[in-house]
Amino acid sequence: IAADSVTIGGKEHFQYKKVEHTKKPIVSQFDILLEQGIITLDHLIKRKPTGSVVEKGPIFKIKPNALDLLFPPSQSYSLLSK
């Protein structure tokens, strides 16, 4: 997803510009990319001002320039009117 961000009245607003649709990942590449550090695992935990903790769980992230190592050619869609 590509988006522009602007702060209005102290709140962040987004205008989404583009989305990339991937499909049929090359599953055999996953472990290799993980070992090479191209795919990473983040565990999201947030501490609230009250001191309590909210766990969002694990997510995998891939370096943006490495999508073609895990996915066949994808389709990009513009979300802005022409």
PDB file of N, CA and C in Angstrom:
ATOM      1  N   ILE A   1       0.857  -1.171   0.000  1.00  0.00           N
ATOM      2  CA  ILE A   1       0.000   0.000   0.000  1.00  0.00           C
ATOM      3  C   ILE A   1       0.902   1.233   0.000  1.00  0.00           C
ATOM      4  N   ALA A   2       0.558   2.215  -0.805  1.00  0.00           N
ATOM      5  CA  ALA A   2       1.257   3.501  -0.809  1.00  0.00           C
ATOM      6  C   ALA A   2       0.249   4.568  -0.397  1.00  0.00           C
ATOM      7  N   ALA A   3       0.676   5.442   0.508  1.00  0.00           N
ATOM      8  CA  ALA A   3      -0.237   6.472   1.007  1.00  0.00           C
ATOM      9  C   ALA A   3       0.524   7.745   1.328  1.00  0.00           C
ATOM     10  N   ASP A   4      -0.178   8.863   1.254  1.00  0.00           N
ATOM     11  CA  ASP A   4       0.335  10.139   1.739  1.00  0.00           C
ATOM     12  C   ASP A   4      -0.280  10.385   3.103  1.00  0.00           C
ATOM     13  N   SER A   5       0.484  11.042   3.974  1.00  0.00           N
ATOM     14  CA  SER A   5       0.028  11.317   5.330  1.00  0.00           C
ATOM     15  C   SER A   5       0.043  12.825   5.569  1.00  0.00           C
ATOM     16  N   VAL A   6      -0.990  13.324   6.237  1.00  0.00           N
ATOM     17  CA  VAL A   6      -1.058  14.737   6.607  1.00  0.00           C
ATOM     18  C   VAL A   6      -1.695  14.830   7.995  1.00  0.00           C
ATOM     19  N   THR A   7      -1.212  15.758   8.804  1.00  0.00           N
ATOM     20  CA  THR A   7      -1.781  15.970  10.135  1.00  0.00           C
ATOM     21  C   THR A   7      -2.747  17.148  10.073  1.00  0.00           C
ATOM     22  N   ILE A   8      -3.983  16.898  10.491  1.00  0.00           N
ATOM     23  CA  ILE A   8      -5.025  17.926  10.510  1.00  0.00           C
ATOM     24  C   ILE A   8      -5.620  17.949  11.917  1.00  0.00           C
ATOM     25  N   GLY A   9      -5.555  19.099  12.552  1.00  0.00           N
ATOM     26  CA  GLY A   9      -6.110  19.219  13.899  1.00  0.00           C
ATOM     27  C   GLY A   9      -5.479  18.257  14.882  1.00  0.00           C
ATOM     28  N   GLY A  10      -4.190  17.977  14.709  1.00  0.00           N
ATOM     29  CA  GLY A  10      -3.481  17.087  15.619  1.00  0.00           C
ATOM     30  C   GLY A  10      -3.703  15.607  15.364  1.00  0.00           C
ATOM     31  N   LYS A  11      -4.458  15.265  14.316  1.00  0.00           N
ATOM     32  CA  LYS A  11      -4.719  13.859  13.990  1.00  0.00           C
ATOM     33  C   LYS A  11      -4.145  13.539  12.618  1.00  0.00           C
ATOM     34  N   GLU A  12      -3.566  12.363  12.505  1.00  0.00           N
ATOM     35  CA  GLU A  12      -2.979  11.946  11.238  1.00  0.00           C
ATOM     36  C   GLU A  12      -4.058  11.380  10.317  1.00  0.00           C
ATOM     37  N   HIS A  13      -4.051  11.837   9.072  1.00  0.00           N
ATOM     38  CA  HIS A  13      -4.986  11.374   8.050  1.00  0.00           C
ATOM     39  C   HIS A  13      -4.181  10.803   6.889  1.00  0.00           C
ATOM     40  N   PHE A  14      -4.747   9.823   6.201  1.00  0.00           N
ATOM     41  CA  PHE A  14      -4.066   9.172   5.092  1.00  0.00           C
ATOM     42  C   PHE A  14      -4.893   9.265   3.822  1.00  0.00           C
ATOM     43  N   GLN A  15      -4.210   9.422   2.705  1.00  0.00           N
ATOM     44  CA  GLN A  15      -4.840   9.274   1.395  1.00  0.00           C
ATOM     45  C   GLN A  15      -4.120   8.109   0.722  1.00  0.00           C
ATOM     46  N   TYR A  16      -4.840   7.015   0.565  1.00  0.00           N
ATOM     47  CA  TYR A  16      -4.256   5.834  -0.055  1.00  0.00           C
ATOM     48  C   TYR A  16      -4.145   6.054  -1.554  1.00  0.00           C
ATOM     49  N   LYS A  17      -2.964   5.750  -2.109  1.00  0.00           N
ATOM     50  CA  LYS A  17      -2.690   6.037  -3.514  1.00  0.00           C
ATOM     51  C   LYS A  17      -2.624   4.786  -4.378  1.00  0.00           C
ATOM     52  N   LYS A  18      -2.063   3.721  -3.831  1.00  0.00           N
ATOM     53  CA  LYS A  18      -1.823   2.538  -4.649  1.00  0.00           C
ATOM     54  C   LYS A  18      -1.826   1.295  -3.764  1.00  0.00           C
ATOM     55  N   VAL A  19      -2.264   0.183  -4.330  1.00  0.00           N
ATOM     56  CA  VAL A  19      -2.213  -1.100  -3.631  1.00  0.00           C
ATOM     57  C   VAL A  19      -1.613  -2.129  -4.586  1.00  0.00           C
ATOM     58  N   GLU A  20      -0.824  -3.050  -4.031  1.00  0.00           N
ATOM     59  CA  GLU A  20      -0.226  -4.113  -4.839  1.00  0.00           C
ATOM     60  C   GLU A  20      -0.838  -5.443  -4.408  1.00  0.00           C
ATOM     61  N   HIS A  21      -1.415  -6.161  -5.362  1.00  0.00           N
ATOM     62  CA  HIS A  21      -2.080  -7.432  -5.086  1.00  0.00           C
ATOM     63  C   HIS A  21      -1.114  -8.570  -5.405  1.00  0.00           C
ATOM     64  N   THR A  22      -0.717  -9.293  -4.367  1.00  0.00           N
ATOM     65  CA  THR A  22       0.163 -10.451  -4.536  1.00  0.00           C
ATOM     66  C   THR A  22      -0.659 -11.722  -4.370  1.00  0.00           C
ATOM     67  N   LYS A  23      -0.175 -12.812  -4.958  1.00  0.00           N
ATOM     68  CA  LYS A  23      -0.848 -14.104  -4.792  1.00  0.00           C
ATOM     69  C   LYS A  23       0.142 -15.225  -5.070  1.00  0.00           C
ATOM     70  N   LYS A  24      -0.236 -16.407  -4.648  1.00  0.00           N
ATOM     71  CA  LYS A  24       0.538 -17.627  -4.863  1.00  0.00           C
ATOM     72  C   LYS A  24       2.008 -17.484  -4.450  1.00  0.00           C
ATOM     73  N   PRO A  25       2.273 -17.259  -3.151  1.00  0.00           N
ATOM     74  CA  PRO A  25       3.663 -17.139  -2.716  1.00  0.00           C
ATOM     75  C   PRO A  25       4.446 -18.415  -3.005  1.00  0.00           C
ATOM     76  N   ILE A  26       5.729 -18.250  -3.231  1.00  0.00           N
ATOM     77  CA  ILE A  26       6.623 -19.385  -3.452  1.00  0.00           C
ATOM     78  C   ILE A  26       7.039 -19.870  -2.060  1.00  0.00           C
ATOM     79  N   VAL A  27       6.264 -20.784  -1.520  1.00  0.00           N
ATOM     80  CA  VAL A  27       6.402 -21.218  -0.130  1.00  0.00           C
ATOM     81  C   VAL A  27       7.798 -21.775   0.157  1.00  0.00           C
ATOM     82  N   SER A  28       8.406 -22.436  -0.811  1.00  0.00           N
ATOM     83  CA  SER A  28       9.735 -23.022  -0.604  1.00  0.00           C
ATOM     84  C   SER A  28      10.802 -21.948  -0.358  1.00  0.00           C
ATOM     85  N   GLN A  29      10.535 -20.709  -0.704  1.00  0.00           N
ATOM     86  CA  GLN A  29      11.485 -19.613  -0.503  1.00  0.00           C
ATOM     87  C   GLN A  29      11.408 -19.023   0.904  1.00  0.00           C
ATOM     88  N   PHE A  30      10.308 -19.264   1.613  1.00  0.00           N
ATOM     89  CA  PHE A  30      10.057 -18.586   2.884  1.00  0.00           C
ATOM     90  C   PHE A  30      11.185 -18.807   3.893  1.00  0.00           C
ATOM     91  N   ASP A  31      11.546 -20.066   4.148  1.00  0.00           N
ATOM     92  CA  ASP A  31      12.591 -20.369   5.138  1.00  0.00           C
ATOM     93  C   ASP A  31      13.923 -19.735   4.760  1.00  0.00           C
ATOM     94  N   ILE A  32      14.254 -19.776   3.478  1.00  0.00           N
ATOM     95  CA  ILE A  32      15.523 -19.210   3.003  1.00  0.00           C
ATOM     96  C   ILE A  32      15.548 -17.700   3.253  1.00  0.00           C
ATOM     97  N   LEU A  33      14.458 -17.030   2.916  1.00  0.00           N
ATOM     98  CA  LEU A  33      14.388 -15.579   3.102  1.00  0.00           C
ATOM     99  C   LEU A  33      14.405 -15.204   4.581  1.00  0.00           C
ATOM    100  N   LEU A  34      13.827 -16.045   5.422  1.00  0.00           N
ATOM    101  CA  LEU A  34      13.859 -15.827   6.868  1.00  0.00           C
ATOM    102  C   LEU A  34      15.294 -15.955   7.385  1.00  0.00           C
ATOM    103  N   GLU A  35      15.998 -16.996   6.951  1.00  0.00           N
ATOM    104  CA  GLU A  35      17.393 -17.206   7.366  1.00  0.00           C
ATOM    105  C   GLU A  35      18.295 -16.062   6.914  1.00  0.00           C
ATOM    106  N   GLN A  36      18.016 -15.485   5.753  1.00  0.00           N
ATOM    107  CA  GLN A  36      18.834 -14.398   5.208  1.00  0.00           C
ATOM    108  C   GLN A  36      18.467 -13.036   5.793  1.00  0.00           C
ATOM    109  N   GLY A  37      17.434 -12.981   6.618  1.00  0.00           N
ATOM    110  CA  GLY A  37      17.017 -11.719   7.220  1.00  0.00           C
ATOM    111  C   GLY A  37      16.196 -10.837   6.292  1.00  0.00           C
ATOM    112  N   ILE A  38      15.790 -11.387   5.156  1.00  0.00           N
ATOM    113  CA  ILE A  38      14.959 -10.634   4.211  1.00  0.00           C
ATOM    114  C   ILE A  38      13.519 -10.593   4.711  1.00  0.00           C
ATOM    115  N   ILE A  39      13.096 -11.683   5.337  1.00  0.00           N
ATOM    116  CA  ILE A  39      11.816 -11.725   6.050  1.00  0.00           C
ATOM    117  C   ILE A  39      12.156 -11.709   7.533  1.00  0.00           C
ATOM    118  N   THR A  40      11.461 -10.868   8.296  1.00  0.00           N
ATOM    119  CA  THR A  40      11.682 -10.800   9.736  1.00  0.00           C
ATOM    120  C   THR A  40      10.360 -11.030  10.468  1.00  0.00           C
ATOM    121  N   LEU A  41      10.470 -11.386  11.719  1.00  0.00           N
ATOM    122  CA  LEU A  41       9.302 -11.606  12.567  1.00  0.00           C
ATOM    123  C   LEU A  41       9.311 -10.557  13.668  1.00  0.00           C
ATOM    124  N   ASP A  42       8.239  -9.797  13.760  1.00  0.00           N
ATOM    125  CA  ASP A  42       8.066  -8.820  14.834  1.00  0.00           C
ATOM    126  C   ASP A  42       6.925  -9.293  15.725  1.00  0.00           C
ATOM    127  N   HIS A  43       7.093  -9.091  17.021  1.00  0.00           N
ATOM    128  CA  HIS A  43       6.013  -9.406  17.961  1.00  0.00           C
ATOM    129  C   HIS A  43       5.538  -8.074  18.531  1.00  0.00           C
ATOM    130  N   LEU A  44       4.291  -7.720  18.261  1.00  0.00           N
ATOM    131  CA  LEU A  44       3.767  -6.411  18.630  1.00  0.00           C
ATOM    132  C   LEU A  44       3.123  -6.436  20.014  1.00  0.00           C
ATOM    133  N   ILE A  45       3.689  -5.627  20.901  1.00  0.00           N
ATOM    134  CA  ILE A  45       3.157  -5.473  22.255  1.00  0.00           C
ATOM    135  C   ILE A  45       3.138  -3.979  22.560  1.00  0.00           C
ATOM    136  N   LYS A  46       2.038  -3.509  23.120  1.00  0.00           N
ATOM    137  CA  LYS A  46       1.893  -2.080  23.413  1.00  0.00           C
ATOM    138  C   LYS A  46       1.526  -1.908  24.881  1.00  0.00           C
ATOM    139  N   ARG A  47       2.206  -0.984  25.544  1.00  0.00           N
ATOM    140  CA  ARG A  47       1.864  -0.672  26.934  1.00  0.00           C
ATOM    141  C   ARG A  47       0.989   0.576  26.942  1.00  0.00           C
ATOM    142  N   LYS A  48      -0.169   0.454  27.567  1.00  0.00           N
ATOM    143  CA  LYS A  48      -1.104   1.578  27.675  1.00  0.00           C
ATOM    144  C   LYS A  48      -0.655   2.513  28.797  1.00  0.00           C
ATOM    145  N   PRO A  49      -1.125   3.763  28.782  1.00  0.00           N
ATOM    146  CA  PRO A  49      -0.782   4.704  29.861  1.00  0.00           C
ATOM    147  C   PRO A  49      -1.173   4.181  31.247  1.00  0.00           C
ATOM    148  N   THR A  50      -2.173   3.302  31.296  1.00  0.00           N
ATOM    149  CA  THR A  50      -2.607   2.734  32.581  1.00  0.00           C
ATOM    150  C   THR A  50      -1.630   1.685  33.098  1.00  0.00           C
ATOM    151  N   GLY A  51      -0.681   1.276  32.245  1.00  0.00           N
ATOM    152  CA  GLY A  51       0.287   0.258  32.638  1.00  0.00           C
ATOM    153  C   GLY A  51      -0.056  -1.124  32.127  1.00  0.00           C
ATOM    154  N   SER A  52      -1.291  -1.319  31.673  1.00  0.00           N
ATOM    155  CA  SER A  52      -1.661  -2.634  31.141  1.00  0.00           C
ATOM    156  C   SER A  52      -1.022  -2.829  29.764  1.00  0.00           C
ATOM    157  N   VAL A  53      -0.942  -4.069  29.354  1.00  0.00           N
ATOM    158  CA  VAL A  53      -0.281  -4.424  28.100  1.00  0.00           C
ATOM    159  C   VAL A  53      -1.301  -5.015  27.139  1.00  0.00           C
ATOM    160  N   VAL A  54      -1.213  -4.590  25.880  1.00  0.00           N
ATOM    161  CA  VAL A  54      -2.048  -5.144  24.821  1.00  0.00           C
ATOM    162  C   VAL A  54      -1.118  -5.867  23.862  1.00  0.00           C
ATOM    163  N   GLU A  55      -1.369  -7.139  23.660  1.00  0.00           N
ATOM    164  CA  GLU A  55      -0.544  -7.932  22.756  1.00  0.00           C
ATOM    165  C   GLU A  55      -1.252  -8.057  21.414  1.00  0.00           C
ATOM    166  N   LYS A  56      -0.586  -7.612  20.362  1.00  0.00           N
ATOM    167  CA  LYS A  56      -1.149  -7.687  19.009  1.00  0.00           C
ATOM    168  C   LYS A  56      -0.696  -8.949  18.290  1.00  0.00           C
ATOM    169  N   GLY A  57       0.329  -9.602  18.823  1.00  0.00           N
ATOM    170  CA  GLY A  57       0.793 -10.856  18.241  1.00  0.00           C
ATOM    171  C   GLY A  57       1.903 -10.682  17.230  1.00  0.00           C
ATOM    172  N   PRO A  58       2.340 -11.808  16.658  1.00  0.00           N
ATOM    173  CA  PRO A  58       3.464 -11.777  15.718  1.00  0.00           C
ATOM    174  C   PRO A  58       3.026 -11.400  14.300  1.00  0.00           C
ATOM    175  N   ILE A  59       3.910 -10.701  13.582  1.00  0.00           N
ATOM    176  CA  ILE A  59       3.690 -10.409  12.164  1.00  0.00           C
ATOM    177  C   ILE A  59       5.006 -10.628  11.414  1.00  0.00           C
ATOM    178  N   PHE A  60       4.902 -11.108  10.193  1.00  0.00           N
ATOM    179  CA  PHE A  60       6.063 -11.243   9.329  1.00  0.00           C
ATOM    180  C   PHE A  60       6.167 -10.005   8.462  1.00  0.00           C
ATOM    181  N   LYS A  61       7.402  -9.519   8.270  1.00  0.00           N
ATOM    182  CA  LYS A  61       7.652  -8.376   7.390  1.00  0.00           C
ATOM    183  C   LYS A  61       8.716  -8.781   6.371  1.00  0.00           C
ATOM    184  N   ILE A  62       8.559  -8.296   5.146  1.00  0.00           N
ATOM    185  CA  ILE A  62       9.530  -8.564   4.095  1.00  0.00           C
ATOM    186  C   ILE A  62      10.036  -7.228   3.575  1.00  0.00           C
ATOM    187  N   LYS A  63      11.313  -7.164   3.258  1.00  0.00           N
ATOM    188  CA  LYS A  63      11.876  -5.930   2.713  1.00  0.00           C
ATOM    189  C   LYS A  63      11.146  -5.582   1.421  1.00  0.00           C
ATOM    190  N   PRO A  64      10.757  -4.315   1.264  1.00  0.00           N
ATOM    191  CA  PRO A  64       9.946  -3.917   0.097  1.00  0.00           C
ATOM    192  C   PRO A  64      10.559  -4.286  -1.248  1.00  0.00           C
ATOM    193  N   ASN A  65      11.879  -4.233  -1.354  1.00  0.00           N
ATOM    194  CA  ASN A  65      12.517  -4.545  -2.632  1.00  0.00           C
ATOM    195  C   ASN A  65      12.691  -6.044  -2.854  1.00  0.00           C
ATOM    196  N   ALA A  66      12.156  -6.879  -1.964  1.00  0.00           N
ATOM    197  CA  ALA A  66      12.344  -8.325  -2.060  1.00  0.00           C
ATOM    198  C   ALA A  66      11.050  -9.082  -2.334  1.00  0.00           C
ATOM    199  N   LEU A  67       9.966  -8.381  -2.611  1.00  0.00           N
ATOM    200  CA  LEU A  67       8.685  -9.056  -2.847  1.00  0.00           C
ATOM    201  C   LEU A  67       8.772 -10.076  -3.974  1.00  0.00           C
ATOM    202  N   ASP A  68       9.551  -9.752  -5.013  1.00  0.00           N
ATOM    203  CA  ASP A  68       9.643 -10.669  -6.154  1.00  0.00           C
ATOM    204  C   ASP A  68      10.387 -11.957  -5.819  1.00  0.00           C
ATOM    205  N   LEU A  69      11.064 -12.015  -4.676  1.00  0.00           N
ATOM    206  CA  LEU A  69      11.723 -13.248  -4.240  1.00  0.00           C
ATOM    207  C   LEU A  69      10.731 -14.227  -3.623  1.00  0.00           C
ATOM    208  N   LEU A  70       9.599 -13.727  -3.158  1.00  0.00           N
ATOM    209  CA  LEU A  70       8.589 -14.567  -2.513  1.00  0.00           C
ATOM    210  C   LEU A  70       7.326 -14.724  -3.354  1.00  0.00           C
ATOM    211  N   PHE A  71       7.043 -13.739  -4.204  1.00  0.00           N
ATOM    212  CA  PHE A  71       5.807 -13.761  -4.993  1.00  0.00           C
ATOM    213  C   PHE A  71       6.103 -13.671  -6.485  1.00  0.00           C
ATOM    214  N   PRO A  72       5.296 -14.371  -7.302  1.00  0.00           N
ATOM    215  CA  PRO A  72       5.389 -14.155  -8.750  1.00  0.00           C
ATOM    216  C   PRO A  72       4.941 -12.724  -9.070  1.00  0.00           C
ATOM    217  N   PRO A  73       5.079 -12.280 -10.321  1.00  0.00           N
ATOM    218  CA  PRO A  73       4.683 -10.905 -10.649  1.00  0.00           C
ATOM    219  C   PRO A  73       3.290 -10.565 -10.112  1.00  0.00           C
ATOM    220  N   SER A  74       3.194  -9.368  -9.542  1.00  0.00           N
ATOM    221  CA  SER A  74       1.946  -8.936  -8.910  1.00  0.00           C
ATOM    222  C   SER A  74       1.271  -7.861  -9.756  1.00  0.00           C
ATOM    223  N   GLN A  75       0.068  -7.499  -9.340  1.00  0.00           N
ATOM    224  CA  GLN A  75      -0.702  -6.467 -10.038  1.00  0.00           C
ATOM    225  C   GLN A  75      -0.834  -5.256  -9.119  1.00  0.00           C
ATOM    226  N   SER A  76      -0.511  -4.076  -9.631  1.00  0.00           N
ATOM    227  CA  SER A  76      -0.677  -2.835  -8.869  1.00  0.00           C
ATOM    228  C   SER A  76      -1.916  -2.101  -9.361  1.00  0.00           C
ATOM    229  N   TYR A  77      -2.632  -1.495  -8.424  1.00  0.00           N
ATOM    230  CA  TYR A  77      -3.843  -0.749  -8.749  1.00  0.00           C
ATOM    231  C   TYR A  77      -3.733   0.657  -8.169  1.00  0.00           C
ATOM    232  N   SER A  78      -4.017   1.652  -8.994  1.00  0.00           N
ATOM    233  CA  SER A  78      -4.072   3.028  -8.524  1.00  0.00           C
ATOM    234  C   SER A  78      -5.414   3.243  -7.830  1.00  0.00           C
ATOM    235  N   LEU A  79      -5.395   3.907  -6.702  1.00  0.00           N
ATOM    236  CA  LEU A  79      -6.622   4.195  -5.961  1.00  0.00           C
ATOM    237  C   LEU A  79      -7.068   5.639  -6.149  1.00  0.00           C
ATOM    238  N   LEU A  80      -6.350   6.368  -6.988  1.00  0.00           N
ATOM    239  CA  LEU A  80      -6.689   7.764  -7.259  1.00  0.00           C
ATOM    240  C   LEU A  80      -7.431   7.855  -8.578  1.00  0.00           C
ATOM    241  N   SER A  81      -8.421   8.747  -8.640  1.00  0.00           N
ATOM    242  CA  SER A  81      -9.153   8.909  -9.901  1.00  0.00           C
ATOM    243  C   SER A  81      -8.242   9.570 -10.932  1.00  0.00           C
ATOM    244  N   LYS A  82      -8.488   9.214 -12.161  1.00  0.00           N
ATOM    245  CA  LYS A  82      -7.644   9.729 -13.242  1.00  0.00           C
ATOM    246  C   LYS A  82      -8.206  10.985 -13.823  1.00  0.00           C
TER     247      LYS A  82
END
